[in-house]
Amino acid sequence: MRIDSPDCGTLFIRRHVTSGNAPKIAEKFQSGREYEFVVGAASYRFRDQLRMINQSIEVQPHD
């Protein structure tokens, strides 16, 4: 699932997302609201390099 953020760029939630449950997960997100995500240590550390090679950061929703 792709999330475009003006502050963080493009983020992806991949873990536990399937074509069957993606619409239900997407319903939980509303434009204009703020959300917190958990970012893995490697993704966070290399976030600038990932963006330079056009790779998005994988995140998990914060419970």
N, C-alpha and C. Protein backbone atom coordinates (compact mmCIF):
# COMPACT_ATOMS: atom_id res chain seq x y z
N MET A 1 0.84 -1.15 0.00
CA MET A 1 0.00 0.00 0.00
C MET A 1 0.90 1.23 0.00
N ARG A 2 0.64 2.11 -0.90
CA ARG A 2 1.45 3.32 -1.06
C ARG A 2 0.80 4.48 -0.31
N ILE A 3 1.64 5.23 0.39
CA ILE A 3 1.19 6.43 1.09
C ILE A 3 2.11 7.56 0.65
N ASP A 4 1.52 8.61 0.10
CA ASP A 4 2.29 9.78 -0.32
C ASP A 4 2.15 10.85 0.76
N SER A 5 3.28 11.23 1.32
CA SER A 5 3.30 12.20 2.40
C SER A 5 4.10 13.43 1.98
N PRO A 6 3.55 14.63 2.19
CA PRO A 6 4.32 15.83 1.84
C PRO A 6 5.55 16.00 2.73
N ASP A 7 5.51 15.44 3.94
CA ASP A 7 6.64 15.57 4.86
C ASP A 7 7.68 14.46 4.69
N CYS A 8 7.21 13.25 4.39
CA CYS A 8 8.11 12.09 4.38
C CYS A 8 8.33 11.48 3.01
N GLY A 9 7.66 11.97 2.00
CA GLY A 9 7.78 11.39 0.68
C GLY A 9 6.87 10.18 0.53
N THR A 10 7.26 9.27 -0.33
CA THR A 10 6.46 8.07 -0.57
C THR A 10 6.86 6.98 0.40
N LEU A 11 5.87 6.42 1.07
CA LEU A 11 6.08 5.34 2.02
C LEU A 11 5.26 4.14 1.55
N PHE A 12 5.69 2.95 1.93
CA PHE A 12 4.94 1.74 1.60
C PHE A 12 4.70 0.90 2.84
N ILE A 13 3.48 0.40 2.95
CA ILE A 13 3.15 -0.63 3.93
C ILE A 13 2.99 -1.91 3.13
N ARG A 14 3.83 -2.89 3.40
CA ARG A 14 3.77 -4.14 2.64
C ARG A 14 3.41 -5.33 3.52
N ARG A 15 3.90 -5.33 4.73
CA ARG A 15 3.72 -6.47 5.62
C ARG A 15 2.24 -6.64 5.98
N HIS A 16 1.73 -7.82 5.79
CA HIS A 16 0.35 -8.19 6.10
C HIS A 16 -0.68 -7.51 5.20
N VAL A 17 -0.26 -6.92 4.10
CA VAL A 17 -1.19 -6.31 3.14
C VAL A 17 -1.33 -7.24 1.95
N THR A 18 -2.57 -7.59 1.64
CA THR A 18 -2.86 -8.43 0.48
C THR A 18 -3.84 -7.71 -0.42
N SER A 19 -4.04 -8.22 -1.61
CA SER A 19 -5.03 -7.60 -2.49
C SER A 19 -6.43 -7.70 -1.89
N GLY A 20 -6.64 -8.69 -1.04
CA GLY A 20 -7.95 -8.85 -0.41
C GLY A 20 -8.22 -7.89 0.72
N ASN A 21 -7.19 -7.54 1.51
CA ASN A 21 -7.44 -6.66 2.64
C ASN A 21 -6.98 -5.22 2.43
N ALA A 22 -6.32 -4.95 1.32
CA ALA A 22 -5.82 -3.59 1.06
C ALA A 22 -6.92 -2.52 1.08
N PRO A 23 -8.08 -2.76 0.44
CA PRO A 23 -9.12 -1.72 0.48
C PRO A 23 -9.58 -1.40 1.91
N LYS A 24 -9.71 -2.42 2.74
CA LYS A 24 -10.15 -2.20 4.12
C LYS A 24 -9.10 -1.42 4.92
N ILE A 25 -7.82 -1.73 4.68
CA ILE A 25 -6.74 -0.99 5.35
C ILE A 25 -6.73 0.45 4.86
N ALA A 26 -6.89 0.66 3.57
CA ALA A 26 -6.87 2.01 2.99
C ALA A 26 -7.99 2.88 3.55
N GLU A 27 -9.13 2.28 3.87
CA GLU A 27 -10.26 3.03 4.43
C GLU A 27 -9.90 3.74 5.73
N LYS A 28 -8.93 3.19 6.44
CA LYS A 28 -8.54 3.74 7.75
C LYS A 28 -7.77 5.04 7.63
N PHE A 29 -7.22 5.33 6.45
CA PHE A 29 -6.43 6.54 6.25
C PHE A 29 -7.28 7.62 5.60
N GLN A 30 -7.18 8.84 6.13
CA GLN A 30 -7.93 9.97 5.60
C GLN A 30 -6.96 11.08 5.23
N SER A 31 -7.19 11.68 4.08
CA SER A 31 -6.34 12.77 3.62
C SER A 31 -6.39 13.93 4.61
N GLY A 32 -5.24 14.55 4.84
CA GLY A 32 -5.17 15.71 5.71
C GLY A 32 -4.94 15.38 7.18
N ARG A 33 -5.03 14.11 7.55
CA ARG A 33 -4.79 13.72 8.94
C ARG A 33 -3.33 13.32 9.11
N GLU A 34 -2.86 13.35 10.34
CA GLU A 34 -1.49 12.94 10.64
C GLU A 34 -1.49 11.54 11.21
N TYR A 35 -0.51 10.75 10.81
CA TYR A 35 -0.37 9.37 11.26
C TYR A 35 1.07 9.13 11.68
N GLU A 36 1.25 8.20 12.60
CA GLU A 36 2.58 7.80 13.02
C GLU A 36 2.87 6.42 12.46
N PHE A 37 4.11 6.23 12.01
CA PHE A 37 4.53 4.95 11.47
C PHE A 37 5.81 4.49 12.14
N VAL A 38 6.01 3.20 12.15
CA VAL A 38 7.25 2.61 12.64
C VAL A 38 8.13 2.36 11.42
N VAL A 39 9.35 2.86 11.49
CA VAL A 39 10.31 2.70 10.39
C VAL A 39 11.45 1.85 10.90
N GLY A 40 11.83 0.84 10.13
CA GLY A 40 12.96 -0.01 10.52
C GLY A 40 14.25 0.80 10.59
N ALA A 41 15.17 0.34 11.40
CA ALA A 41 16.42 1.06 11.61
C ALA A 41 17.20 1.25 10.32
N ALA A 42 17.27 0.22 9.49
CA ALA A 42 18.02 0.33 8.23
C ALA A 42 17.33 1.29 7.27
N SER A 43 16.01 1.20 7.18
CA SER A 43 15.27 2.11 6.29
C SER A 43 15.47 3.56 6.73
N TYR A 44 15.44 3.79 8.04
CA TYR A 44 15.62 5.15 8.53
C TYR A 44 17.05 5.63 8.28
N ARG A 45 18.00 4.78 8.58
CA ARG A 45 19.40 5.17 8.43
C ARG A 45 19.75 5.51 6.98
N PHE A 46 19.21 4.74 6.04
CA PHE A 46 19.55 4.92 4.63
C PHE A 46 18.44 5.63 3.85
N ARG A 47 17.56 6.35 4.53
CA ARG A 47 16.41 6.98 3.86
C ARG A 47 16.83 7.95 2.76
N ASP A 48 17.87 8.73 2.99
CA ASP A 48 18.30 9.68 1.95
C ASP A 48 18.86 8.95 0.73
N GLN A 49 19.63 7.90 0.97
CA GLN A 49 20.17 7.13 -0.14
C GLN A 49 19.06 6.38 -0.88
N LEU A 50 18.08 5.87 -0.14
CA LEU A 50 16.95 5.19 -0.79
C LEU A 50 16.21 6.16 -1.72
N ARG A 51 16.00 7.37 -1.26
CA ARG A 51 15.31 8.36 -2.10
C ARG A 51 16.14 8.72 -3.33
N MET A 52 17.47 8.78 -3.17
CA MET A 52 18.34 9.13 -4.29
C MET A 52 18.25 8.09 -5.42
N ILE A 53 18.03 6.83 -5.05
CA ILE A 53 17.91 5.79 -6.08
C ILE A 53 16.45 5.43 -6.34
N ASN A 54 15.56 6.36 -5.94
CA ASN A 54 14.13 6.24 -6.23
C ASN A 54 13.47 5.03 -5.58
N GLN A 55 13.93 4.69 -4.37
CA GLN A 55 13.32 3.60 -3.61
C GLN A 55 12.55 4.19 -2.44
N SER A 56 11.39 3.64 -2.19
CA SER A 56 10.56 4.13 -1.10
C SER A 56 10.90 3.42 0.20
N ILE A 57 10.53 4.06 1.28
CA ILE A 57 10.78 3.53 2.60
C ILE A 57 9.60 2.68 3.03
N GLU A 58 9.89 1.49 3.55
CA GLU A 58 8.84 0.61 4.05
C GLU A 58 8.57 0.92 5.50
N VAL A 59 7.30 1.06 5.86
CA VAL A 59 6.91 1.40 7.22
C VAL A 59 5.81 0.45 7.70
N GLN A 60 5.53 0.51 8.98
CA GLN A 60 4.41 -0.20 9.58
C GLN A 60 3.59 0.82 10.35
N PRO A 61 2.25 0.68 10.34
CA PRO A 61 1.44 1.61 11.13
C PRO A 61 1.79 1.50 12.61
N HIS A 62 1.76 2.62 13.28
CA HIS A 62 1.99 2.65 14.72
C HIS A 62 0.67 2.35 15.40
N ASP A 63 0.66 1.35 16.28
CA ASP A 63 -0.61 0.97 16.94
C ASP A 63 -1.02 1.97 17.99
